[in-house]
Amino acid sequence: MSTALITGASGGIGKAFAEKLAARKTNLVLVARSSEKLQQLATELRQKYKIQVEVIVKDLTETNASNAVFDTIKSQELTIDLLINNAGFGDYGDFAERDGERQLNMIQLNIMALVDLTHKFLPLMRQRRSGSIINISSIAGFQPMPYLSVYAATKAFVLSFSEALWAENRDYGVHVLVVCPGPTGTDFFTEAKFPQSLAGSNNKISTPEEVVDDALKALEKGEPTVVTGGLANQIIVNAHRFLPRESLVNLVAKQFKGVGDW
């Protein structure tokens, strides 16, 4: 049986990955901050699918958190066949007025932890000439996003980084996939402190399960990138091909400068 490591596994897309992979008889290593949520999920998956589920309670914004995760897995003599870098968060608002430490924590989690974990597990996969990495980006990574400036920039990094790794590692039998969801039914809008008027403005909200289904299908096909959520999201990610960058950024700014209750 193969083993998957999932960060941000206590809810949303990470939890959906855990459930879908468990149903495929994949052993799991679940990483997140919430011990209670992880333990509950692990117990449910062990009982239902008769698989091995390990839990690592760790905040990946902390110094040396990735080292701690890697060392724990190494000490347990586990082989990670699939790494899913899912953990991340956003923050809505005018950059100059947002909390600076939160912006740095976002970069630490969305970029630095992802890069660090990838760099730790990728060489081992190359040595075995097998393995897969799924990095979670966003449709926000395809263009600048005023009022989500740091979040969109981190997701642009993940998109570019992952597609480059896809090309670098094909000859080593290692597949790298970047997943770019649109609005999804998770706690993202609440955690990012979106105005209620904006959080509820999108009629097409994918479920985490739909995102994961699309991701796993793309992984099986060997694709480098998948944009989930249908035609509307495809139009969004290709808008930069048809509009001047200045016009596109102004359009997004008008859309995201929400007026309403927080």
Protein backbone atom coordinates (compact mmCIF):
# COMPACT_ATOMS: atom_id res chain seq x y z
CA MET A 1 0.00 0.00 0.00
CA SER A 2 1.21 3.49 -0.82
CA THR A 3 1.38 6.32 1.72
CA ALA A 4 0.30 9.95 1.26
CA LEU A 5 1.37 12.92 3.37
CA ILE A 6 -1.26 15.68 3.49
CA THR A 7 -0.72 19.08 5.07
CA GLY A 8 -3.70 21.13 6.20
CA ALA A 9 -5.55 17.83 6.58
CA SER A 10 -7.99 18.75 9.34
CA GLY A 11 -10.60 20.32 7.06
CA GLY A 12 -11.57 21.52 3.61
CA ILE A 13 -9.63 20.25 0.61
CA GLY A 14 -7.04 18.50 2.78
CA LYS A 15 -9.67 16.48 4.59
CA ALA A 16 -11.36 15.62 1.30
CA PHE A 17 -8.03 14.33 -0.04
CA ALA A 18 -7.67 12.18 3.07
CA GLU A 19 -11.13 10.68 2.67
CA LYS A 20 -10.80 10.05 -1.07
CA LEU A 21 -7.36 8.48 -0.75
CA ALA A 22 -8.41 6.37 2.23
CA ALA A 23 -11.22 4.97 0.09
CA ARG A 24 -8.49 3.93 -2.37
CA LYS A 25 -6.68 2.07 0.43
CA THR A 26 -3.86 4.61 0.69
CA ASN A 27 -2.16 4.88 4.06
CA LEU A 28 -2.00 8.44 5.37
CA VAL A 29 0.12 10.88 7.33
CA LEU A 30 -2.03 13.83 8.33
CA VAL A 31 -0.49 17.17 9.31
CA ALA A 32 -2.32 20.18 10.76
CA ARG A 33 -2.47 22.38 13.86
CA SER A 34 -5.64 20.91 15.38
CA SER A 35 -4.93 17.75 17.36
CA GLU A 36 -8.60 17.10 18.10
CA LYS A 37 -9.72 17.34 14.48
CA LEU A 38 -6.82 15.23 13.22
CA GLN A 39 -7.32 12.50 15.80
CA GLN A 40 -11.03 12.32 15.07
CA LEU A 41 -10.46 12.08 11.33
CA ALA A 42 -7.72 9.50 11.77
CA THR A 43 -9.93 7.33 13.94
CA GLU A 44 -12.79 7.49 11.46
CA LEU A 45 -10.58 6.58 8.51
CA ARG A 46 -8.85 3.72 10.32
CA GLN A 47 -12.15 2.19 11.33
CA LYS A 48 -13.88 2.64 7.99
CA TYR A 49 -11.10 1.71 5.58
CA LYS A 50 -8.71 -0.43 7.68
CA ILE A 51 -5.68 1.64 6.74
CA GLN A 52 -2.77 3.07 8.69
CA VAL A 53 -3.16 6.73 9.59
CA GLU A 54 -0.43 8.67 11.38
CA VAL A 55 -1.03 12.12 12.87
CA ILE A 56 1.53 14.91 13.17
CA VAL A 57 0.25 17.98 15.01
CA LYS A 58 2.33 20.88 13.75
CA ASP A 59 1.90 24.54 12.83
CA LEU A 60 3.92 24.89 9.62
CA THR A 61 4.38 28.63 10.17
CA GLU A 62 6.71 27.81 13.08
CA THR A 63 10.48 27.80 12.69
CA ASN A 64 11.83 24.36 11.70
CA ALA A 65 8.31 22.90 11.47
CA SER A 66 9.09 21.18 8.16
CA ASN A 67 12.21 19.63 9.69
CA ALA A 68 10.12 18.29 12.54
CA VAL A 69 7.61 16.72 10.15
CA PHE A 70 10.35 15.16 8.03
CA ASP A 71 12.25 13.85 11.07
CA THR A 72 9.09 12.29 12.50
CA ILE A 73 8.39 10.46 9.26
CA LYS A 74 12.00 9.36 9.00
CA SER A 75 11.99 8.05 12.59
CA GLN A 76 8.89 5.99 11.80
CA GLU A 77 10.59 4.60 8.68
CA LEU A 78 7.72 5.69 6.45
CA THR A 79 8.01 6.07 2.69
CA ILE A 80 5.97 8.93 1.27
CA ASP A 81 4.67 8.07 -2.20
CA LEU A 82 2.41 11.11 -2.54
CA LEU A 83 3.06 14.52 -0.99
CA ILE A 84 0.10 16.90 -0.94
CA ASN A 85 1.08 20.45 0.01
CA ASN A 86 -2.37 21.77 0.81
CA ALA A 87 -1.89 23.94 3.91
CA GLY A 88 -2.38 27.65 3.30
CA PHE A 89 -4.49 30.70 4.07
CA GLY A 90 -5.42 34.11 2.70
CA ASP A 91 -6.01 37.57 4.11
CA TYR A 92 -8.43 40.09 2.63
CA GLY A 93 -7.88 43.83 2.73
CA ASP A 94 -5.68 46.78 1.79
CA PHE A 95 -2.09 45.54 2.22
CA ALA A 96 -0.89 48.74 3.93
CA GLU A 97 -3.59 48.34 6.57
CA ARG A 98 -3.26 44.61 7.26
CA ASP A 99 -1.23 43.02 10.05
CA GLY A 100 2.36 42.66 8.85
CA GLU A 101 3.15 39.52 10.83
CA ARG A 102 0.13 37.78 9.34
CA GLN A 103 1.42 38.56 5.84
CA LEU A 104 4.79 37.02 6.67
CA ASN A 105 3.12 33.95 8.19
CA MET A 106 1.15 33.58 4.97
CA ILE A 107 4.36 33.57 2.95
CA GLN A 108 5.90 31.10 5.39
CA LEU A 109 3.01 28.67 5.08
CA ASN A 110 1.95 29.11 1.46
CA ILE A 111 5.47 29.21 0.02
CA MET A 112 8.32 28.38 2.37
CA ALA A 113 6.81 25.31 4.04
CA LEU A 114 5.68 24.02 0.65
CA VAL A 115 9.13 24.48 -0.87
CA ASP A 116 10.87 23.00 2.15
CA LEU A 117 8.73 19.87 2.28
CA THR A 118 9.01 19.42 -1.47
CA HIS A 119 12.80 19.71 -1.27
CA LYS A 120 12.94 17.13 1.49
CA PHE A 121 10.79 14.46 -0.17
CA LEU A 122 11.47 15.01 -3.89
CA PRO A 123 15.07 13.66 -3.87
CA LEU A 124 13.86 10.46 -2.20
CA MET A 125 11.21 10.03 -4.89
CA ARG A 126 13.80 10.60 -7.60
CA GLN A 127 16.05 7.97 -6.07
CA ARG A 128 13.15 5.48 -6.18
CA ARG A 129 12.11 6.79 -9.61
CA SER A 130 8.53 6.93 -8.42
CA GLY A 131 6.26 9.27 -6.50
CA SER A 132 3.94 12.21 -6.92
CA ILE A 133 3.59 15.72 -5.50
CA ILE A 134 0.39 17.75 -5.56
CA ASN A 135 0.70 21.45 -4.73
CA ILE A 136 -2.45 23.49 -4.15
CA SER A 137 -2.42 26.87 -5.86
CA SER A 138 -5.52 28.87 -6.86
CA ILE A 139 -7.09 30.65 -9.80
CA ALA A 140 -5.86 33.73 -7.90
CA GLY A 141 -2.35 32.77 -8.99
CA PHE A 142 -2.98 33.71 -12.62
CA GLN A 143 -3.24 37.48 -12.14
CA PRO A 144 -2.54 40.18 -9.53
CA MET A 145 -5.34 40.45 -6.97
CA PRO A 146 -5.76 43.82 -5.22
CA TYR A 147 -7.02 43.28 -1.66
CA LEU A 148 -5.65 39.73 -1.80
CA SER A 149 -2.21 40.87 -2.88
CA VAL A 150 0.05 38.62 -0.82
CA TYR A 151 -2.21 35.57 -1.12
CA ALA A 152 -2.40 35.84 -4.92
CA ALA A 153 1.36 36.39 -5.13
CA THR A 154 2.03 33.25 -3.06
CA LYS A 155 -0.26 31.23 -5.31
CA ALA A 156 1.46 32.62 -8.42
CA PHE A 157 4.72 31.34 -6.94
CA VAL A 158 3.23 27.90 -6.30
CA LEU A 159 1.90 27.73 -9.86
CA SER A 160 5.21 28.70 -11.49
CA PHE A 161 7.31 26.57 -9.13
CA SER A 162 5.17 23.47 -9.60
CA GLU A 163 4.98 23.64 -13.38
CA ALA A 164 8.78 23.98 -13.52
CA LEU A 165 9.19 20.93 -11.27
CA TRP A 166 6.79 18.96 -13.46
CA ALA A 167 9.17 19.45 -16.38
CA GLU A 168 12.33 18.81 -14.34
CA ASN A 169 11.16 15.52 -12.89
CA ARG A 170 9.30 13.74 -15.68
CA ASP A 171 12.39 11.74 -16.66
CA TYR A 172 12.79 10.56 -13.05
CA GLY A 173 9.37 8.94 -12.86
CA VAL A 174 8.10 11.63 -10.48
CA HIS A 175 4.92 13.52 -11.31
CA VAL A 176 4.28 17.04 -10.04
CA LEU A 177 0.76 18.48 -10.33
CA VAL A 178 -0.45 21.96 -9.40
CA VAL A 179 -4.15 22.28 -8.59
CA CYS A 180 -5.85 25.66 -9.06
CA PRO A 181 -9.31 25.74 -7.49
CA GLY A 182 -11.73 28.61 -7.68
CA PRO A 183 -14.11 29.48 -4.84
CA THR A 184 -14.57 26.34 -2.75
CA GLY A 185 -16.82 25.49 0.17
CA THR A 186 -14.19 25.68 2.92
CA ASP A 187 -13.39 28.08 5.78
CA PHE A 188 -11.19 30.18 3.45
CA PHE A 189 -13.48 33.22 3.28
CA THR A 190 -13.99 33.27 7.05
CA GLU A 191 -10.30 32.81 7.83
CA ALA A 192 -9.35 35.48 5.28
CA LYS A 193 -11.85 37.89 6.88
CA PHE A 194 -13.76 38.58 3.68
CA PRO A 195 -16.68 41.01 3.88
CA GLN A 196 -19.91 39.03 3.94
CA SER A 197 -21.02 40.84 0.79
CA LEU A 198 -18.05 39.41 -1.12
CA ALA A 199 -17.88 36.01 0.52
CA GLY A 200 -21.39 35.21 -0.62
CA SER A 201 -21.22 36.89 -4.01
CA ASN A 202 -20.05 33.90 -6.06
CA ASN A 203 -22.84 31.56 -7.10
CA LYS A 204 -20.49 28.83 -8.30
CA ILE A 205 -18.87 27.33 -5.23
CA SER A 206 -17.20 23.96 -5.73
CA THR A 207 -17.17 21.38 -2.97
CA PRO A 208 -13.80 20.17 -1.66
CA GLU A 209 -14.73 16.72 -2.95
CA GLU A 210 -15.18 18.07 -6.49
CA VAL A 211 -11.78 19.74 -6.35
CA VAL A 212 -10.13 16.52 -5.17
CA ASP A 213 -11.86 14.41 -7.82
CA ASP A 214 -10.57 16.75 -10.54
CA ALA A 215 -7.10 16.71 -9.00
CA LEU A 216 -6.84 12.93 -8.80
CA LYS A 217 -8.06 12.56 -12.39
CA ALA A 218 -5.41 15.03 -13.56
CA LEU A 219 -2.75 13.18 -11.55
CA GLU A 220 -3.67 9.91 -13.24
CA LYS A 221 -3.39 11.58 -16.66
CA GLY A 222 0.03 13.05 -15.89
CA GLU A 223 -1.11 16.61 -16.38
CA PRO A 224 1.04 19.45 -14.97
CA THR A 225 -1.84 21.79 -14.11
CA VAL A 226 -5.55 21.51 -13.47
CA VAL A 227 -7.99 24.38 -13.02
CA THR A 228 -11.03 23.05 -11.20
CA GLY A 229 -14.54 24.47 -11.13
CA GLY A 230 -15.63 24.46 -14.75
CA LEU A 231 -15.85 27.02 -17.56
CA ALA A 232 -16.18 30.13 -15.39
CA ASN A 233 -12.80 29.52 -13.77
CA GLN A 234 -11.22 28.75 -17.15
CA ILE A 235 -12.36 32.17 -18.36
CA ILE A 236 -10.89 33.85 -15.27
CA VAL A 237 -7.46 32.24 -15.60
CA ASN A 238 -7.27 33.14 -19.28
CA ALA A 239 -8.48 36.74 -18.90
CA HIS A 240 -4.90 38.06 -19.03
CA ARG A 241 -4.65 36.86 -22.62
CA PHE A 242 -7.40 39.19 -23.76
CA LEU A 243 -7.14 42.21 -21.46
CA PRO A 244 -4.20 44.57 -20.87
CA ARG A 245 -2.70 43.94 -17.43
CA GLU A 246 -3.59 47.44 -16.23
CA SER A 247 -7.22 46.97 -17.23
CA LEU A 248 -7.37 43.54 -15.62
CA VAL A 249 -5.90 44.73 -12.31
CA ASN A 250 -8.29 47.70 -12.23
CA LEU A 251 -11.22 45.38 -12.91
CA VAL A 252 -10.23 43.05 -10.09
CA ALA A 253 -9.69 46.00 -7.74
CA LYS A 254 -13.22 47.26 -8.35
CA GLN A 255 -14.65 43.79 -7.80
CA PHE A 256 -12.76 43.10 -4.59
CA LYS A 257 -13.00 46.49 -2.93
CA GLY A 258 -16.04 45.28 -1.05
CA VAL A 259 -18.50 47.39 0.81
CA GLY A 260 -20.37 45.65 3.58
CA ASP A 261 -20.11 43.99 6.95
CA TRP A 262 -16.94 42.20 7.96
